[in-house]
Amino acid sequence: MDVLASPTPRASRVRGACPSLAAGSSSRLRPSFRPFLVKFGSLPPLRSSLKVSSPISSAEEAEKNDAADLANWDLASGTVSLSPLDGRYMQKVKDLRPFFSEYGLIRYRVLVEVKWLQKLSQIPEVVEVPQFSQDARLFLESIIDNFDITDAIEVKKIEKITNHDVKAVEYFLKQKCKSHSEIAKVLEFFHFACTSEDINNLAHALSLKEALSDVVFPVMVDLCKEISTMAKEHAHIPMLSHTHGQPASPTTLGKEMANFAVRLSERGKAFCKIRILGKFAGAVGNYNAHKVAYPDINWKCIAAEFVQSLGVDFNAYVTQIEPHDYIAELFNNIIQFNNILTDFDRDIWSYISLGYFKQITKAGEIGSSTMPHKVNPIDFENSEGNLCLANAILSALSMKLPISRMQRDLTDSTVLRNLGVGLGYSLLAYKSALQGIKKLQVNESRLNEDLDQTWEVLAEPIQTVMRRHAVPEAYEKLKELTRGREVSKQSIREFTESLDLPEEAKAILLNLTPNSYIGEAEELAKSVDEAVDLVNGFKLP
């Protein structure tokens, strides 16, 4: 992908990409501003069978516009993109483009339209569409398999005339197939008895299902694996806990990581219960036109077979639209996963602030423009910030999409075009967190230092043992000794030795240190794999 710089600042030389940036379009622009033409290259393929190789503009177009001096696309596009997902962060989220870009939506629509025509040819009662020959079937499949950017642009050209995106797909397919003598006879059965939402809801369902399975879930799994590995590797390292920001009973660093690994894994299991749904019931969900055209066909059964053949569960009770309840459920689960990861990001940030983690530095990187010593926890801060944006968008989608006036209003249409935005910010956050984890280095000396300075945490086990042996006012005595007071190893030992306890119990307490007072934390961390299920989780049914 390239950006072609125009040698002269004439507005007429900026075609299609950014007309508002053309010289002379605003008196506020400096005379030295040099407009440019964005030249798009190819998108990565959705599958190995999908070829996306044709550029939107050619070298001839660039030459015709007197453009030269090819620049790096990634850097240049980032300076003019409205969304940072398509600019600054494009490289990290580009794997979602084949699913949620305009190109991706058009391709899925084409797939649904072609598959529906093929389904009609398999219904004996629809005599007007005979069984297709192998040649015709291969021709139709090739439209799907070979769909590329050139085809998508052709659809957009048609849409400029129709001002209707789904109808443009139908007209594109008719143009594409009129050269095939067999299919040309049944062109009017493209989009037969369909409303646009019959096509759209399945396109969105397929894009969600495949994007999650192919792109998002694998990164979620990587996060769980990395945090589980941290849990096991650091299972034995004691760490001072903090409740209400104050020193509390010790844990281990690994146990705290295990908590997050298990919580994230539980969200992964929940995906298995969320069914991706689709409808194919016509204008208001009742097969009205279907029954008039072919009254003897069981259209509900046909629709169910067709939807399920695409790998989507069938929803029989719908209006013009599939009500999107499953999208709300799906996104709410992702929101909860993101909330847990936000909690992780903030805890790691806090541990870095306390000095419990060091960060491995990278040559050439700068932490602060004015403070040369800074090594900031930017990956976890970026992750937290993008999770905030992701959840704002996913929450808006989950609250809005299930609501539609009567049998349908159009508010869901524009909202659905943002499915990839919420997932894009989520994916960006996951990758930032993973990047941050790889930079972490445990600072055991700092962890031990904090533990050595907080002998007051042993007040809990001492008063508990005192209670066991019926020592009166055990809690109150420890409160008097420790609350708001400076407590040392010596003062704790002197208090313990003064207690009227069996010698065995007293010996246990005298041998106890903040480093050793960790309960079952180490064992819990070591056995985290028993609680984290990455085989059955992070899958859609």
Protein backbone atom coordinates (compact mmCIF):
# COMPACT_ATOMS: atom_id res chain seq x y z
CA MET A 1 0.00 0.00 0.00
CA ASP A 2 1.36 3.35 -0.95
CA VAL A 3 0.71 7.03 -0.61
CA LEU A 4 1.36 9.00 -3.76
CA ALA A 5 2.41 12.60 -3.26
CA SER A 6 1.09 15.13 -5.74
CA PRO A 7 3.67 17.64 -6.98
CA THR A 8 1.20 20.53 -7.11
CA PRO A 9 -1.39 21.59 -4.54
CA ARG A 10 -4.46 21.49 -6.81
CA ALA A 11 -7.71 20.21 -5.28
CA SER A 12 -8.56 18.47 -8.56
CA ARG A 13 -5.61 16.12 -8.05
CA VAL A 14 -6.99 14.62 -4.82
CA ARG A 15 -9.37 11.95 -6.01
CA GLY A 16 -11.67 10.17 -3.61
CA ALA A 17 -9.36 9.80 -0.63
CA CYS A 18 -9.40 13.09 1.28
CA PRO A 19 -11.04 15.89 -0.75
CA SER A 20 -11.36 18.09 2.34
CA LEU A 21 -7.60 18.13 2.60
CA ALA A 22 -7.10 19.45 -0.90
CA ALA A 23 -5.19 22.72 -1.14
CA GLY A 24 -7.55 25.64 -1.57
CA SER A 25 -10.48 23.84 0.11
CA SER A 26 -9.84 25.80 3.29
CA SER A 27 -8.21 29.16 3.87
CA ARG A 28 -6.69 27.74 7.03
CA LEU A 29 -4.39 25.38 5.14
CA ARG A 30 -0.81 26.48 4.72
CA PRO A 31 0.32 27.13 1.12
CA SER A 32 3.03 24.52 1.62
CA PHE A 33 0.47 21.73 2.17
CA ARG A 34 0.93 19.01 -0.43
CA PRO A 35 -2.10 16.79 -1.00
CA PHE A 36 -1.83 13.10 -1.66
CA LEU A 37 -3.71 10.21 -3.13
CA VAL A 38 -4.14 7.11 -1.00
CA LYS A 39 -3.51 3.98 -2.96
CA PHE A 40 -4.83 0.84 -1.31
CA GLY A 41 -3.20 -2.55 -1.70
CA SER A 42 -4.61 -5.96 -0.90
CA LEU A 43 -6.19 -7.19 2.30
CA PRO A 44 -5.13 -10.47 3.88
CA PRO A 45 -7.31 -13.44 2.89
CA LEU A 46 -10.22 -14.59 4.99
CA ARG A 47 -9.35 -18.19 4.25
CA SER A 48 -6.75 -19.85 2.10
CA SER A 49 -9.39 -20.16 -0.61
CA LEU A 50 -10.15 -16.44 -0.59
CA LYS A 51 -7.94 -14.42 -2.87
CA VAL A 52 -7.68 -10.73 -2.13
CA SER A 53 -5.05 -9.46 -4.44
CA SER A 54 -6.32 -6.72 -6.71
CA PRO A 55 -5.45 -3.13 -5.77
CA ILE A 56 -8.05 -0.42 -5.91
CA SER A 57 -5.89 1.91 -7.93
CA SER A 58 -3.23 1.07 -10.41
CA ALA A 59 0.18 2.49 -11.25
CA GLU A 60 -1.46 4.07 -14.30
CA GLU A 61 -3.87 6.01 -12.10
CA ALA A 62 -0.97 7.24 -10.02
CA GLU A 63 0.86 8.32 -13.14
CA LYS A 64 -2.24 10.04 -14.49
CA ASN A 65 -2.43 12.08 -11.29
CA ASP A 66 1.19 13.18 -11.67
CA ALA A 67 1.92 11.50 -8.35
CA ALA A 68 5.35 10.26 -7.31
CA ASP A 69 7.59 9.69 -4.33
CA LEU A 70 6.05 6.50 -2.94
CA ALA A 71 6.00 6.55 0.87
CA ASN A 72 5.53 3.87 3.46
CA TRP A 73 1.82 3.08 3.65
CA ASP A 74 1.69 2.20 7.32
CA LEU A 75 3.21 5.50 8.43
CA ALA A 76 1.32 7.64 5.97
CA SER A 77 -2.12 6.11 6.46
CA GLY A 78 -1.75 6.50 10.20
CA THR A 79 -1.58 10.25 9.81
CA VAL A 80 -4.97 10.55 8.08
CA SER A 81 -7.06 7.73 9.58
CA LEU A 82 -9.99 8.88 11.67
CA SER A 83 -9.81 5.83 13.92
CA PRO A 84 -6.52 4.84 15.58
CA LEU A 85 -7.48 1.21 14.86
CA ASP A 86 -6.93 1.92 11.16
CA GLY A 87 -4.01 4.22 11.80
CA ARG A 88 -1.58 3.97 14.67
CA TYR A 89 -2.67 0.46 15.70
CA MET A 90 -3.46 -0.98 12.28
CA GLN A 91 -0.70 -3.59 12.38
CA LYS A 92 -2.00 -5.01 15.65
CA VAL A 93 -5.63 -5.38 14.58
CA LYS A 94 -5.39 -5.87 10.83
CA ASP A 95 -6.32 -9.54 11.17
CA LEU A 96 -9.90 -8.40 11.85
CA ARG A 97 -10.19 -6.45 8.61
CA PRO A 98 -11.26 -9.38 6.39
CA PHE A 99 -14.16 -9.99 8.75
CA PHE A 100 -15.43 -6.54 9.71
CA SER A 101 -14.34 -4.18 6.96
CA GLU A 102 -16.77 -3.09 4.27
CA TYR A 103 -15.02 -5.59 2.02
CA GLY A 104 -15.62 -8.34 4.57
CA LEU A 105 -19.32 -7.52 4.92
CA ILE A 106 -19.79 -7.51 1.15
CA ARG A 107 -18.03 -10.84 0.81
CA TYR A 108 -20.21 -12.48 3.44
CA ARG A 109 -23.31 -11.09 1.73
CA VAL A 110 -22.14 -12.57 -1.56
CA LEU A 111 -21.60 -15.91 0.17
CA VAL A 112 -25.14 -15.95 1.62
CA GLU A 113 -26.77 -14.92 -1.67
CA VAL A 114 -24.92 -17.58 -3.66
CA LYS A 115 -25.59 -20.29 -1.09
CA TRP A 116 -29.31 -19.42 -1.12
CA LEU A 117 -29.52 -19.79 -4.89
CA GLN A 118 -27.79 -23.16 -4.55
CA LYS A 119 -30.29 -24.16 -1.86
CA LEU A 120 -33.22 -23.24 -4.09
CA SER A 121 -31.84 -25.52 -6.80
CA GLN A 122 -32.06 -28.42 -4.33
CA ILE A 123 -35.77 -27.94 -3.55
CA PRO A 124 -37.79 -30.21 -5.92
CA GLU A 125 -40.89 -28.00 -5.76
CA VAL A 126 -38.94 -25.00 -7.09
CA VAL A 127 -39.00 -26.39 -10.63
CA GLU A 128 -37.93 -23.06 -12.08
CA VAL A 129 -34.48 -23.59 -10.57
CA PRO A 130 -33.37 -27.08 -11.63
CA GLN A 131 -30.49 -28.90 -9.98
CA PHE A 132 -27.30 -27.20 -11.09
CA SER A 133 -24.75 -29.10 -13.09
CA GLN A 134 -21.28 -29.58 -11.65
CA ASP A 135 -20.01 -26.84 -13.94
CA ALA A 136 -22.63 -24.39 -12.64
CA ARG A 137 -21.92 -25.33 -9.03
CA LEU A 138 -18.19 -24.80 -9.53
CA PHE A 139 -18.87 -21.46 -11.21
CA LEU A 140 -20.94 -20.28 -8.24
CA GLU A 141 -18.39 -21.53 -5.72
CA SER A 142 -15.65 -19.72 -7.61
CA ILE A 143 -17.48 -16.42 -7.09
CA ILE A 144 -17.15 -16.95 -3.35
CA ASP A 145 -13.65 -18.41 -3.36
CA ASN A 146 -12.19 -15.83 -5.75
CA PHE A 147 -13.99 -12.80 -4.36
CA ASP A 148 -11.45 -9.99 -4.10
CA ILE A 149 -11.10 -6.26 -3.71
CA THR A 150 -11.92 -5.66 -7.35
CA ASP A 151 -15.25 -7.40 -6.88
CA ALA A 152 -15.98 -5.42 -3.71
CA ILE A 153 -15.28 -2.16 -5.53
CA GLU A 154 -17.61 -3.20 -8.32
CA VAL A 155 -20.37 -3.72 -5.76
CA LYS A 156 -19.68 -0.26 -4.31
CA LYS A 157 -19.96 1.27 -7.78
CA ILE A 158 -23.36 -0.33 -8.21
CA GLU A 159 -24.39 0.92 -4.77
CA LYS A 160 -23.67 4.47 -5.88
CA ILE A 161 -26.56 4.04 -8.32
CA THR A 162 -28.94 1.94 -6.19
CA ASN A 163 -28.20 3.66 -2.88
CA HIS A 164 -28.89 0.23 -1.38
CA ASP A 165 -25.98 -1.96 -0.30
CA VAL A 166 -27.69 -5.37 -0.38
CA LYS A 167 -29.45 -4.74 -3.69
CA ALA A 168 -26.07 -3.81 -5.10
CA VAL A 169 -24.82 -7.30 -4.19
CA GLU A 170 -27.78 -8.88 -5.99
CA TYR A 171 -27.11 -6.82 -9.14
CA PHE A 172 -23.41 -7.64 -8.96
CA LEU A 173 -24.18 -11.37 -8.89
CA LYS A 174 -26.57 -11.08 -11.80
CA GLN A 175 -23.88 -9.34 -13.83
CA LYS A 176 -21.33 -11.92 -12.77
CA CYS A 177 -23.50 -14.87 -13.73
CA LYS A 178 -25.14 -13.72 -16.95
CA SER A 179 -22.19 -15.12 -18.91
CA HIS A 180 -22.94 -18.63 -17.69
CA SER A 181 -25.74 -20.00 -19.85
CA GLU A 182 -27.23 -22.27 -17.19
CA ILE A 183 -27.24 -19.79 -14.32
CA ALA A 184 -28.34 -16.95 -16.60
CA LYS A 185 -31.76 -18.64 -16.86
CA VAL A 186 -32.40 -18.26 -13.11
CA LEU A 187 -30.91 -14.85 -12.35
CA GLU A 188 -34.19 -13.63 -10.86
CA PHE A 189 -33.87 -16.22 -8.12
CA PHE A 190 -30.94 -14.38 -6.60
CA HIS A 191 -32.32 -12.81 -3.41
CA PHE A 192 -35.57 -14.76 -3.91
CA ALA A 193 -38.19 -13.98 -1.22
CA CYS A 194 -35.50 -12.32 0.87
CA THR A 195 -35.45 -9.14 2.83
CA SER A 196 -32.10 -7.44 3.20
CA GLU A 197 -31.88 -8.55 6.80
CA ASP A 198 -32.09 -12.19 5.78
CA ILE A 199 -28.75 -11.61 4.10
CA ASN A 200 -27.28 -9.17 6.61
CA ASN A 201 -28.00 -11.07 9.81
CA LEU A 202 -26.26 -14.17 8.45
CA ALA A 203 -23.34 -12.10 7.16
CA HIS A 204 -22.86 -10.58 10.61
CA ALA A 205 -23.28 -13.94 12.32
CA LEU A 206 -20.62 -15.52 10.12
CA SER A 207 -18.22 -12.61 10.54
CA LEU A 208 -18.57 -12.73 14.32
CA LYS A 209 -18.21 -16.49 14.54
CA GLU A 210 -15.18 -16.71 12.28
CA ALA A 211 -13.42 -13.60 13.62
CA LEU A 212 -13.76 -14.80 17.19
CA SER A 213 -12.67 -18.35 16.38
CA ASP A 214 -9.79 -17.40 14.08
CA VAL A 215 -8.47 -14.18 15.63
CA VAL A 216 -9.84 -13.16 19.03
CA PHE A 217 -10.15 -16.42 20.95
CA PRO A 218 -6.57 -17.54 20.19
CA VAL A 219 -5.22 -14.33 21.75
CA MET A 220 -7.51 -14.75 24.77
CA VAL A 221 -6.10 -18.26 25.17
CA ASP A 222 -2.54 -16.93 24.89
CA LEU A 223 -3.29 -14.51 27.72
CA CYS A 224 -4.60 -17.28 29.96
CA LYS A 225 -1.56 -19.43 29.16
CA GLU A 226 0.91 -16.65 29.94
CA ILE A 227 -0.77 -15.78 33.23
CA SER A 228 -0.99 -19.48 34.16
CA THR A 229 2.72 -19.81 33.44
CA MET A 230 3.41 -16.84 35.71
CA ALA A 231 1.36 -18.55 38.41
CA LYS A 232 3.39 -21.75 38.27
CA GLU A 233 6.79 -20.13 37.88
CA HIS A 234 6.23 -17.76 40.81
CA ALA A 235 4.17 -20.12 42.97
CA HIS A 236 6.84 -20.22 45.69
CA ILE A 237 7.63 -16.48 45.88
CA PRO A 238 6.02 -14.95 49.01
CA MET A 239 4.41 -11.53 48.64
CA LEU A 240 2.79 -9.14 51.06
CA SER A 241 -0.91 -8.79 50.36
CA HIS A 242 -2.65 -5.44 50.45
CA THR A 243 -6.31 -5.01 51.40
CA HIS A 244 -7.67 -1.47 51.44
CA GLY A 245 -4.15 -0.48 50.40
CA GLN A 246 -2.75 -1.66 53.74
CA PRO A 247 -0.49 -4.64 54.56
CA ALA A 248 -2.42 -7.89 54.93
CA SER A 249 -1.75 -11.60 55.32
CA PRO A 250 0.96 -12.75 52.89
CA THR A 251 0.26 -14.68 49.71
CA THR A 252 2.54 -15.73 46.88
CA LEU A 253 3.03 -13.90 43.65
CA GLY A 254 2.06 -17.04 41.75
CA LYS A 255 -1.19 -17.47 43.67
CA GLU A 256 -2.29 -13.95 42.72
CA MET A 257 -1.59 -14.71 39.07
CA ALA A 258 -3.51 -17.99 39.39
CA ASN A 259 -6.56 -16.05 40.55
CA PHE A 260 -6.64 -14.15 37.28
CA ALA A 261 -5.92 -17.18 35.11
CA VAL A 262 -8.88 -19.05 36.62
CA ARG A 263 -11.23 -16.07 36.37
CA LEU A 264 -10.39 -15.49 32.70
CA SER A 265 -10.72 -19.19 31.98
CA GLU A 266 -14.22 -19.23 33.49
CA ARG A 267 -15.26 -16.53 31.04
CA GLY A 268 -13.82 -18.69 28.27
CA LYS A 269 -16.04 -21.59 29.30
CA ALA A 270 -19.10 -19.36 29.10
CA PHE A 271 -18.64 -18.84 25.36
CA CYS A 272 -19.52 -22.51 24.81
CA LYS A 273 -23.10 -21.79 25.89
CA ILE A 274 -23.69 -18.85 23.54
CA ARG A 275 -25.35 -19.87 20.28
CA ILE A 276 -24.78 -17.74 17.20
CA LEU A 277 -28.26 -17.32 15.71
CA GLY A 278 -29.63 -16.53 12.29
CA LYS A 279 -33.00 -15.98 10.65
CA PHE A 280 -34.21 -16.38 7.08
CA ALA A 281 -37.94 -15.74 7.28
CA GLY A 282 -38.57 -12.82 4.96
CA ALA A 283 -39.89 -9.31 5.46
CA VAL A 284 -41.50 -9.70 8.91
CA GLY A 285 -40.51 -13.22 9.93
CA ASN A 286 -43.57 -15.08 8.66
CA TYR A 287 -42.54 -16.35 5.18
CA ASN A 288 -45.40 -14.30 3.69
CA ALA A 289 -44.01 -14.04 0.15
CA HIS A 290 -42.64 -17.58 0.26
CA LYS A 291 -46.07 -19.06 0.96
CA VAL A 292 -47.73 -17.12 -1.84
CA ALA A 293 -45.14 -18.17 -4.41
CA TYR A 294 -44.83 -21.83 -3.29
CA PRO A 295 -47.66 -22.67 -0.86
CA ASP A 296 -46.82 -26.37 -0.55
CA ILE A 297 -43.24 -25.95 0.64
CA ASN A 298 -42.37 -26.12 4.34
CA TRP A 299 -40.42 -22.88 4.33
CA LYS A 300 -39.63 -22.94 8.02
CA CYS A 301 -37.88 -26.27 7.54
CA ILE A 302 -36.07 -25.02 4.43
CA ALA A 303 -34.93 -21.87 6.25
CA ALA A 304 -33.68 -23.89 9.22
CA GLU A 305 -31.73 -26.24 6.95
CA PHE A 306 -30.21 -23.32 5.08
CA VAL A 307 -29.16 -21.34 8.16
CA GLN A 308 -27.70 -24.42 9.84
CA SER A 309 -25.81 -25.35 6.66
CA LEU A 310 -23.82 -22.14 7.16
CA GLY A 311 -22.79 -23.19 10.67
CA VAL A 312 -25.30 -20.89 12.39
CA ASP A 313 -28.12 -21.92 14.75
CA PHE A 314 -31.64 -21.19 13.53
CA ASN A 315 -33.97 -18.71 15.23
CA ALA A 316 -37.56 -19.36 14.17
CA TYR A 317 -39.19 -16.52 16.12
CA VAL A 318 -38.15 -13.22 14.60
CA THR A 319 -39.47 -10.06 13.00
CA GLN A 320 -37.75 -8.55 9.98
CA ILE A 321 -34.54 -8.84 11.94
CA GLU A 322 -32.90 -11.46 14.09
CA PRO A 323 -33.33 -9.74 17.49
CA HIS A 324 -29.60 -9.75 18.31
CA ASP A 325 -30.03 -11.09 21.83
CA TYR A 326 -27.17 -13.48 21.25
CA ILE A 327 -24.87 -10.60 20.29
CA ALA A 328 -25.75 -8.88 23.56
CA GLU A 329 -25.01 -12.08 25.49
CA LEU A 330 -21.77 -12.61 23.58
CA PHE A 331 -20.53 -9.06 24.09
CA ASN A 332 -21.53 -9.05 27.76
CA ASN A 333 -19.29 -12.06 28.28
CA ILE A 334 -16.42 -10.33 26.46
CA ILE A 335 -17.05 -7.24 28.62
CA GLN A 336 -16.66 -9.37 31.74
CA PHE A 337 -13.47 -10.93 30.38
CA ASN A 338 -12.23 -7.40 29.73
CA ASN A 339 -13.19 -6.30 33.25
CA ILE A 340 -11.12 -9.12 34.72
CA LEU A 341 -8.18 -8.20 32.49
CA THR A 342 -8.53 -4.56 33.57
CA ASP A 343 -8.24 -5.77 37.17
CA PHE A 344 -5.10 -7.69 36.18
CA ASP A 345 -3.61 -4.65 34.40
CA ARG A 346 -4.17 -2.45 37.45
CA ASP A 347 -2.69 -5.00 39.84
CA ILE A 348 0.41 -5.48 37.70
CA TRP A 349 0.71 -1.69 37.42
CA SER A 350 0.55 -1.49 41.23
CA TYR A 351 3.13 -4.24 41.71
CA ILE A 352 5.46 -2.44 39.31
CA SER A 353 4.89 0.76 41.27
CA LEU A 354 5.79 -1.07 44.52
CA GLY A 355 8.92 -2.44 42.89
CA TYR A 356 7.77 -6.07 42.98
CA PHE A 357 8.34 -6.28 39.23
CA LYS A 358 11.09 -4.74 37.17
CA GLN A 359 10.59 -4.16 33.45
CA ILE A 360 13.10 -5.35 30.91
CA THR A 361 14.22 -2.35 28.90
CA LYS A 362 14.58 -2.23 25.15
CA ALA A 363 17.43 -0.36 23.48
CA GLY A 364 16.29 2.90 21.95
CA GLU A 365 13.00 3.17 23.82
CA ILE A 366 12.22 6.35 25.79
CA GLY A 367 10.03 6.42 28.89
CA SER A 368 9.70 10.18 29.33
CA SER A 369 10.51 13.14 27.11
CA THR A 370 12.02 14.97 30.08
CA MET A 371 12.91 12.33 32.72
CA PRO A 372 15.55 10.03 31.22
CA HIS A 373 15.35 7.46 34.03
CA LYS A 374 11.69 6.51 33.46
CA VAL A 375 10.65 2.97 32.52
CA ASN A 376 6.88 3.27 32.46
CA PRO A 377 4.33 0.40 32.53
CA ILE A 378 2.90 1.63 29.24
CA ASP A 379 1.76 -1.77 27.95
CA PHE A 380 -0.57 -2.30 30.91
CA GLU A 381 -1.73 1.31 30.76
CA ASN A 382 -2.47 0.97 27.04
CA SER A 383 -4.26 -2.29 27.70
CA GLU A 384 -6.40 -0.71 30.42
CA GLY A 385 -7.24 2.31 28.27
CA ASN A 386 -8.24 0.23 25.28
CA LEU A 387 -10.30 -2.11 27.43
CA CYS A 388 -12.20 0.95 28.59
CA LEU A 389 -12.94 1.90 25.00
CA ALA A 390 -13.77 -1.68 24.05
CA ASN A 391 -16.25 -2.07 26.88
CA ALA A 392 -17.88 1.28 26.16
CA ILE A 393 -18.55 0.21 22.58
CA LEU A 394 -19.49 -3.40 23.37
CA SER A 395 -21.80 -2.21 26.14
CA ALA A 396 -23.49 0.26 23.82
CA LEU A 397 -23.99 -2.49 21.25
CA SER A 398 -25.32 -4.99 23.77
CA MET A 399 -27.83 -2.47 25.14
CA LYS A 400 -28.98 -1.05 21.81
CA LEU A 401 -29.12 -4.01 19.44
CA PRO A 402 -31.92 -5.99 21.16
CA ILE A 403 -34.21 -2.96 20.91
CA SER A 404 -36.03 -2.31 17.62
CA ARG A 405 -39.39 -0.60 17.11
CA MET A 406 -42.25 -2.93 16.21
CA GLN A 407 -41.19 -5.28 13.43
CA ARG A 408 -38.00 -3.32 12.71
CA ASP A 409 -36.39 0.08 12.56
CA LEU A 410 -33.07 0.91 10.95
CA THR A 411 -31.14 1.88 14.07
CA ASP A 412 -29.44 -1.50 14.28
CA SER A 413 -28.02 -1.21 10.77
CA THR A 414 -25.54 1.56 11.48
CA VAL A 415 -24.74 0.14 14.92
CA LEU A 416 -23.90 -3.31 13.53
CA ARG A 417 -21.16 -1.78 11.41
CA ASN A 418 -19.23 -1.27 14.65
CA LEU A 419 -18.96 -4.92 15.68
CA GLY A 420 -15.32 -4.93 14.67
CA VAL A 421 -14.57 -1.71 16.54
CA GLY A 422 -15.37 -3.11 19.98
CA LEU A 423 -13.52 -6.33 19.18
CA GLY A 424 -10.66 -4.33 17.66
CA TYR A 425 -10.05 -2.38 20.86
CA SER A 426 -10.32 -5.63 22.82
CA LEU A 427 -7.75 -7.35 20.61
CA LEU A 428 -5.44 -4.36 20.88
CA ALA A 429 -5.70 -4.49 24.68
CA TYR A 430 -4.98 -8.22 24.81
CA LYS A 431 -1.86 -7.81 22.70
CA SER A 432 -0.66 -4.90 24.84
CA ALA A 433 -1.08 -6.96 28.01
CA LEU A 434 0.80 -9.87 26.45
CA GLN A 435 3.59 -7.55 25.41
CA GLY A 436 3.80 -6.16 28.93
CA ILE A 437 3.91 -9.62 30.52
CA LYS A 438 6.93 -10.53 28.43
CA LYS A 439 8.83 -7.55 29.87
CA LEU A 440 8.23 -8.43 33.54
CA GLN A 441 11.02 -9.54 35.82
CA VAL A 442 10.35 -10.44 39.46
CA ASN A 443 12.26 -8.39 42.02
CA GLU A 444 12.47 -10.87 44.92
CA SER A 445 14.66 -8.66 47.08
CA ARG A 446 12.00 -5.93 47.05
CA LEU A 447 9.28 -8.45 47.88
CA ASN A 448 11.31 -9.76 50.81
CA GLU A 449 12.04 -6.24 52.02
CA ASP A 450 8.33 -5.45 52.36
CA LEU A 451 7.68 -8.70 54.19
CA ASP A 452 10.55 -8.13 56.59
CA GLN A 453 9.11 -4.75 57.55
CA THR A 454 5.58 -5.99 58.31
CA TRP A 455 5.77 -8.43 61.20
CA GLU A 456 2.38 -7.17 62.32
CA VAL A 457 0.78 -9.53 59.76
CA LEU A 458 1.56 -12.36 62.20
CA ALA A 459 -1.06 -10.95 64.59
CA GLU A 460 -3.66 -12.98 62.70
CA PRO A 461 -2.15 -16.47 63.18
CA ILE A 462 -1.13 -15.72 66.78
CA GLN A 463 -4.62 -14.65 67.86
CA THR A 464 -6.14 -17.59 65.97
CA VAL A 465 -3.92 -20.10 67.83
CA MET A 466 -4.71 -18.30 71.11
CA ARG A 467 -8.44 -18.75 70.40
CA ARG A 468 -7.91 -22.45 69.75
CA HIS A 469 -6.34 -22.83 73.19
CA ALA A 470 -9.01 -20.74 74.91
CA VAL A 471 -6.79 -17.80 75.75
CA PRO A 472 -9.25 -15.03 76.69
CA GLU A 473 -9.50 -11.81 74.68
CA ALA A 474 -7.05 -13.08 72.07
CA TYR A 475 -8.15 -10.63 69.38
CA GLU A 476 -8.17 -7.68 71.73
CA LYS A 477 -4.67 -8.40 73.03
CA LEU A 478 -3.23 -8.54 69.50
CA LYS A 479 -5.13 -5.40 68.59
CA GLU A 480 -3.57 -3.61 71.55
CA LEU A 481 -0.11 -4.82 70.48
CA THR A 482 -0.27 -4.07 66.77
CA ARG A 483 -2.96 -1.63 65.68
CA GLY A 484 -1.39 1.67 64.70
CA ARG A 485 1.89 0.68 66.33
CA GLU A 486 5.30 -0.16 64.94
CA VAL A 487 5.77 -3.90 65.23
CA SER A 488 9.13 -5.64 64.96
CA LYS A 489 10.31 -9.22 64.90
CA GLN A 490 11.51 -8.80 68.48
CA SER A 491 8.23 -7.42 69.83
CA ILE A 492 6.26 -10.23 68.20
CA ARG A 493 8.63 -12.85 69.64
CA GLU A 494 8.47 -11.36 73.12
CA PHE A 495 4.68 -11.31 73.04
CA THR A 496 4.51 -14.92 71.79
CA GLU A 497 6.92 -16.18 74.44
CA SER A 498 4.78 -14.58 77.15
CA LEU A 499 1.68 -16.50 76.12
CA ASP A 500 0.24 -19.36 78.16
CA LEU A 501 0.25 -21.88 75.29
CA PRO A 502 1.38 -25.48 74.89
CA GLU A 503 5.06 -25.60 73.98
CA GLU A 504 4.35 -27.22 70.60
CA ALA A 505 1.93 -24.45 69.61
CA LYS A 506 4.28 -21.78 70.89
CA ALA A 507 7.18 -23.27 68.88
CA ILE A 508 5.13 -23.15 65.68
CA LEU A 509 4.36 -19.47 66.22
CA LEU A 510 7.97 -18.62 67.10
CA ASN A 511 9.17 -20.25 63.87
CA LEU A 512 6.62 -18.35 61.82
CA THR A 513 7.79 -15.41 59.66
CA PRO A 514 5.98 -13.15 57.23
CA ASN A 515 7.75 -15.07 54.40
CA SER A 516 6.53 -18.44 55.60
CA TYR A 517 3.01 -17.41 56.57
CA ILE A 518 1.48 -18.16 53.14
CA GLY A 519 -1.01 -20.92 53.90
CA GLU A 520 -1.81 -23.04 50.83
CA ALA A 521 -0.92 -20.27 48.37
CA GLU A 522 2.01 -22.12 46.83
CA GLU A 523 0.07 -25.33 46.27
CA LEU A 524 -2.92 -23.46 44.84
CA ALA A 525 -0.66 -21.71 42.35
CA LYS A 526 1.12 -24.91 41.34
CA SER A 527 -2.17 -26.67 40.64
CA VAL A 528 -3.67 -23.86 38.56
CA ASP A 529 -3.82 -26.05 35.44
CA GLU A 530 -6.44 -28.18 37.16
CA ALA A 531 -8.76 -25.19 37.29
CA VAL A 532 -7.92 -23.56 33.95
CA ASP A 533 -9.63 -25.25 30.99
CA LEU A 534 -8.27 -24.00 27.67
CA VAL A 535 -9.33 -27.10 25.74
CA ASN A 536 -13.09 -26.78 26.11
CA GLY A 537 -13.20 -23.04 26.67
CA PHE A 538 -13.02 -20.13 24.21
CA LYS A 539 -15.18 -21.92 21.65
CA LEU A 540 -18.60 -21.22 20.22
CA PRO A 541 -21.01 -24.16 19.95
